[in-house]
Amino acid sequence: MQLAKNWHEILKDEIAKPYIQDLNEFLKMELEGGQEVYPPEPLIFHTFGQTPYEDVKVVIMGQDPYHGPGQAHGMSFSVPEGMALPPSLKNIYKEIEADCGIRPAETGCLMSWAKQGVLLLNATLTVRRGEPKSHYGQGWERFTDAVIGKLAERKDPIVFILWGKSAKEKCQHLLTQSHHAVLTSAHPSPFSAYNGFFGNQHFSQANQYLKGWGKTSIDWTVS
């Protein structure tokens, strides 16, 4: 596993901590024990390679990777080209259409967002096939806490989009960082989307913040 160069420099002290070696050993044991782990190793840090630290304008916080074959490719809520749209992503597209008038895309690959400065970050960066949250408590949350901490330290403001209780709790400390914008709502999962996700207008709100800071807004069209 290797981080993109600019992120590696930002996180070099964190990467040197003993728990990272423990995490590597855990993943090695999973694979040697015959477990299927998603995403494939070359894609675990994929989101960092697509969105450099200094280019991050928006963070969309997820929980853990999709746990079905071929779905996870290292970016929260995104799936590779050609994969069927997961239910949560379908709901995200519905909200974008209602909020911004953008018709839902047929592809679930959110690379076009990442290239514009949207960091698609999961709290846990790996998962066992068919077992959601199976890699919680192994060190990933500590690592992604450090990622969020480094972003929170930036004087250049960022929009943090937090859907669901776990994302909000993970980033609770950001609410004290007054120069950043923090948008919260229910999760887009079919189990909770009608309890506050639909109608949150987070996509247009994010762009309003970016424009107010003199930044280029995000084109939420998925292409």
Protein backbone atom coordinates (compact mmCIF):
# COMPACT_ATOMS: atom_id res chain seq x y z
CA MET A 1 0.00 0.00 0.00
CA GLN A 2 1.38 3.36 -0.96
CA LEU A 3 0.02 6.86 -0.54
CA ALA A 4 0.31 9.51 -3.24
CA LYS A 5 3.47 11.55 -2.71
CA ASN A 6 1.88 14.77 -1.48
CA TRP A 7 -0.35 12.95 1.02
CA HIS A 8 2.59 10.82 2.16
CA GLU A 9 4.48 13.98 3.06
CA ILE A 10 1.50 15.37 4.98
CA LEU A 11 0.93 12.10 6.87
CA LYS A 12 4.52 10.83 7.23
CA ASP A 13 4.50 11.10 11.04
CA GLU A 14 1.20 9.19 11.24
CA ILE A 15 2.39 6.47 8.87
CA ALA A 16 5.45 5.90 11.07
CA LYS A 17 3.32 5.02 14.14
CA PRO A 18 3.27 1.38 15.31
CA TYR A 19 -0.43 0.86 14.72
CA ILE A 20 0.10 1.21 10.96
CA GLN A 21 2.36 -1.84 11.01
CA ASP A 22 -0.27 -3.68 13.04
CA LEU A 23 -2.86 -2.74 10.43
CA ASN A 24 -0.63 -4.02 7.64
CA GLU A 25 -0.17 -7.29 9.52
CA PHE A 26 -3.92 -7.65 9.98
CA LEU A 27 -4.54 -7.19 6.25
CA LYS A 28 -1.79 -9.66 5.42
CA MET A 29 -3.34 -12.24 7.75
CA GLU A 30 -6.77 -11.69 6.19
CA LEU A 31 -5.42 -12.41 2.72
CA GLU A 32 -3.26 -15.34 3.82
CA GLY A 33 -6.32 -16.77 5.58
CA GLY A 34 -8.22 -16.84 2.30
CA GLN A 35 -10.46 -13.82 2.90
CA GLU A 36 -11.50 -11.64 -0.02
CA VAL A 37 -10.68 -8.05 0.91
CA TYR A 38 -12.04 -5.03 -0.96
CA PRO A 39 -10.89 -2.90 -2.61
CA PRO A 40 -7.91 -4.63 -4.22
CA GLU A 41 -4.64 -3.56 -2.61
CA PRO A 42 -3.58 -1.13 -5.41
CA LEU A 43 -6.85 0.79 -4.93
CA ILE A 44 -6.95 1.09 -1.13
CA PHE A 45 -5.56 4.64 -1.23
CA HIS A 46 -7.10 5.46 -4.62
CA THR A 47 -8.95 8.57 -3.42
CA PHE A 48 -5.71 10.19 -2.27
CA GLY A 49 -4.15 9.75 -5.69
CA GLN A 50 -7.08 11.47 -7.37
CA THR A 51 -7.41 14.47 -5.03
CA PRO A 52 -4.15 16.02 -3.76
CA TYR A 53 -4.18 17.53 -0.27
CA GLU A 54 -3.80 21.11 -1.46
CA ASP A 55 -6.63 20.69 -4.00
CA VAL A 56 -9.31 19.44 -1.57
CA LYS A 57 -12.34 21.72 -1.62
CA VAL A 58 -15.05 19.32 -0.44
CA VAL A 59 -14.90 16.14 1.68
CA ILE A 60 -17.72 13.60 1.43
CA MET A 61 -17.42 11.18 4.34
CA GLY A 62 -18.43 7.55 3.95
CA GLN A 63 -18.34 4.57 6.34
CA ASP A 64 -16.57 1.61 4.78
CA PRO A 65 -16.11 0.32 1.22
CA TYR A 66 -18.79 -1.53 -0.69
CA HIS A 67 -18.50 -5.21 0.21
CA GLY A 68 -19.75 -6.78 -3.03
CA PRO A 69 -17.40 -8.15 -5.72
CA GLY A 70 -16.04 -5.46 -8.03
CA GLN A 71 -17.82 -2.55 -6.35
CA ALA A 72 -15.15 -0.92 -4.20
CA HIS A 73 -12.37 1.06 -5.83
CA GLY A 74 -11.12 3.25 -3.04
CA MET A 75 -13.52 6.22 -3.17
CA SER A 76 -16.56 6.60 -0.91
CA PHE A 77 -19.94 6.04 -2.61
CA SER A 78 -18.25 5.51 -6.00
CA VAL A 79 -18.17 2.28 -8.04
CA PRO A 80 -16.08 1.49 -11.14
CA GLU A 81 -17.40 2.04 -14.65
CA GLY A 82 -19.83 -0.68 -15.69
CA MET A 83 -21.00 -1.59 -12.18
CA ALA A 84 -24.67 -1.33 -11.23
CA LEU A 85 -25.55 1.73 -9.14
CA PRO A 86 -25.79 0.93 -5.40
CA PRO A 87 -29.00 2.13 -3.69
CA SER A 88 -27.28 4.92 -1.73
CA LEU A 89 -25.72 6.33 -4.89
CA LYS A 90 -29.07 6.24 -6.66
CA ASN A 91 -30.47 8.38 -3.85
CA ILE A 92 -27.50 10.74 -4.07
CA TYR A 93 -28.27 11.22 -7.76
CA LYS A 94 -31.95 11.86 -6.97
CA GLU A 95 -30.97 14.61 -4.54
CA ILE A 96 -28.57 16.16 -7.06
CA GLU A 97 -31.37 16.25 -9.62
CA ALA A 98 -33.80 17.85 -7.16
CA ASP A 99 -31.17 20.29 -5.87
CA CYS A 100 -29.26 21.22 -9.02
CA GLY A 101 -31.39 20.02 -11.93
CA ILE A 102 -28.74 17.53 -13.07
CA ARG A 103 -30.18 14.31 -14.49
CA PRO A 104 -28.96 11.08 -12.85
CA ALA A 105 -25.94 9.51 -14.47
CA GLU A 106 -25.85 5.93 -15.71
CA THR A 107 -22.33 5.43 -14.36
CA GLY A 108 -21.49 5.27 -10.67
CA CYS A 109 -17.84 6.28 -11.09
CA LEU A 110 -17.37 9.61 -9.29
CA MET A 111 -13.90 10.29 -10.68
CA SER A 112 -15.06 13.56 -12.22
CA TRP A 113 -15.85 14.86 -8.72
CA ALA A 114 -12.50 13.73 -7.34
CA LYS A 115 -10.64 15.52 -10.12
CA GLN A 116 -12.38 18.77 -9.13
CA GLY A 117 -11.31 18.59 -5.50
CA VAL A 118 -13.93 16.36 -3.86
CA LEU A 119 -12.18 13.93 -1.49
CA LEU A 120 -14.33 10.78 -1.29
CA LEU A 121 -13.14 9.39 2.03
CA ASN A 122 -14.33 6.32 3.93
CA ALA A 123 -13.75 5.97 7.68
CA THR A 124 -12.43 2.46 7.07
CA LEU A 125 -10.51 1.81 3.87
CA THR A 126 -10.93 -1.96 3.55
CA VAL A 127 -13.65 -4.53 4.17
CA ARG A 128 -14.13 -8.31 3.97
CA ARG A 129 -16.39 -9.60 1.20
CA GLY A 130 -20.01 -9.65 2.28
CA GLU A 131 -19.26 -8.38 5.79
CA PRO A 132 -19.85 -4.65 6.30
CA LYS A 133 -17.79 -3.05 9.06
CA SER A 134 -15.65 -6.21 9.28
CA HIS A 135 -12.43 -4.15 9.36
CA TYR A 136 -13.57 -1.64 11.97
CA GLY A 137 -11.36 -1.40 15.04
CA GLN A 138 -8.16 -2.43 13.25
CA GLY A 139 -6.61 1.04 12.91
CA TRP A 140 -8.22 2.54 9.85
CA GLU A 141 -10.40 4.90 11.88
CA ARG A 142 -7.33 6.29 13.62
CA PHE A 143 -5.64 6.84 10.28
CA THR A 144 -8.64 8.58 8.70
CA ASP A 145 -9.05 10.68 11.86
CA ALA A 146 -5.50 11.90 11.17
CA VAL A 147 -6.45 12.68 7.56
CA ILE A 148 -9.43 14.74 8.72
CA GLY A 149 -7.24 16.42 11.34
CA LYS A 150 -4.71 17.50 8.73
CA LEU A 151 -7.47 18.89 6.55
CA ALA A 152 -9.02 20.71 9.53
CA GLU A 153 -5.66 22.39 10.18
CA ARG A 154 -5.75 24.04 6.79
CA LYS A 155 -6.36 27.78 6.84
CA ASP A 156 -7.85 27.43 3.37
CA PRO A 157 -11.50 26.51 4.09
CA ILE A 158 -13.14 23.23 3.11
CA VAL A 159 -16.76 22.04 2.92
CA PHE A 160 -17.24 18.83 4.94
CA ILE A 161 -20.35 16.84 3.95
CA LEU A 162 -21.36 14.36 6.65
CA TRP A 163 -24.23 11.97 6.01
CA GLY A 164 -25.43 9.78 8.86
CA LYS A 165 -24.68 9.48 12.56
CA SER A 166 -21.28 7.80 12.22
CA ALA A 167 -19.91 10.46 9.85
CA LYS A 168 -21.14 13.25 12.10
CA GLU A 169 -19.67 11.65 15.23
CA LYS A 170 -16.34 11.03 13.51
CA CYS A 171 -16.06 14.66 12.49
CA GLN A 172 -17.71 16.25 15.54
CA HIS A 173 -14.56 18.23 16.31
CA LEU A 174 -14.89 20.06 12.99
CA LEU A 175 -17.91 21.91 14.32
CA THR A 176 -15.46 24.00 16.36
CA GLN A 177 -13.41 24.91 13.27
CA SER A 178 -15.38 28.00 12.37
CA HIS A 179 -13.63 28.75 9.09
CA HIS A 180 -14.74 25.42 7.58
CA ALA A 181 -18.30 24.63 6.48
CA VAL A 182 -19.90 21.48 7.89
CA LEU A 183 -23.10 20.13 6.30
CA THR A 184 -24.91 17.25 8.04
CA SER A 185 -28.01 15.18 7.30
CA ALA A 186 -29.33 11.64 7.34
CA HIS A 187 -27.49 9.00 5.29
CA PRO A 188 -28.58 8.38 1.66
CA SER A 189 -29.22 4.70 2.39
CA PRO A 190 -32.79 3.60 1.54
CA PHE A 191 -33.25 2.97 5.28
CA SER A 192 -32.74 6.64 6.17
CA ALA A 193 -32.89 8.80 3.03
CA TYR A 194 -36.48 9.90 3.71
CA ASN A 195 -35.56 10.93 7.26
CA GLY A 196 -33.62 14.01 6.21
CA PHE A 197 -31.29 13.19 3.34
CA PHE A 198 -33.71 14.10 0.58
CA GLY A 199 -34.06 17.86 0.48
CA ASN A 200 -30.77 18.61 2.26
CA GLN A 201 -29.53 20.65 -0.74
CA HIS A 202 -25.94 19.92 0.21
CA PHE A 203 -24.67 20.10 -3.36
CA SER A 204 -25.90 23.63 -4.03
CA GLN A 205 -24.95 24.71 -0.51
CA ALA A 206 -21.39 23.44 -0.99
CA ASN A 207 -21.10 25.50 -4.16
CA GLN A 208 -22.44 28.58 -2.41
CA TYR A 209 -19.72 28.27 0.21
CA LEU A 210 -17.04 27.72 -2.44
CA LYS A 211 -18.17 30.75 -4.43
CA GLY A 212 -18.25 32.83 -1.24
CA TRP A 213 -14.63 31.89 -0.62
CA GLY A 214 -13.64 32.83 -4.16
CA LYS A 215 -13.24 29.20 -5.26
CA THR A 216 -14.51 27.46 -8.38
CA SER A 217 -17.73 25.56 -7.71
CA ILE A 218 -18.10 21.82 -8.28
CA ASP A 219 -19.86 20.57 -11.40
CA TRP A 220 -21.87 17.72 -9.87
CA THR A 221 -22.55 16.20 -13.28
CA VAL A 222 -21.09 12.68 -13.31
CA SER A 223 -19.39 11.92 -16.60
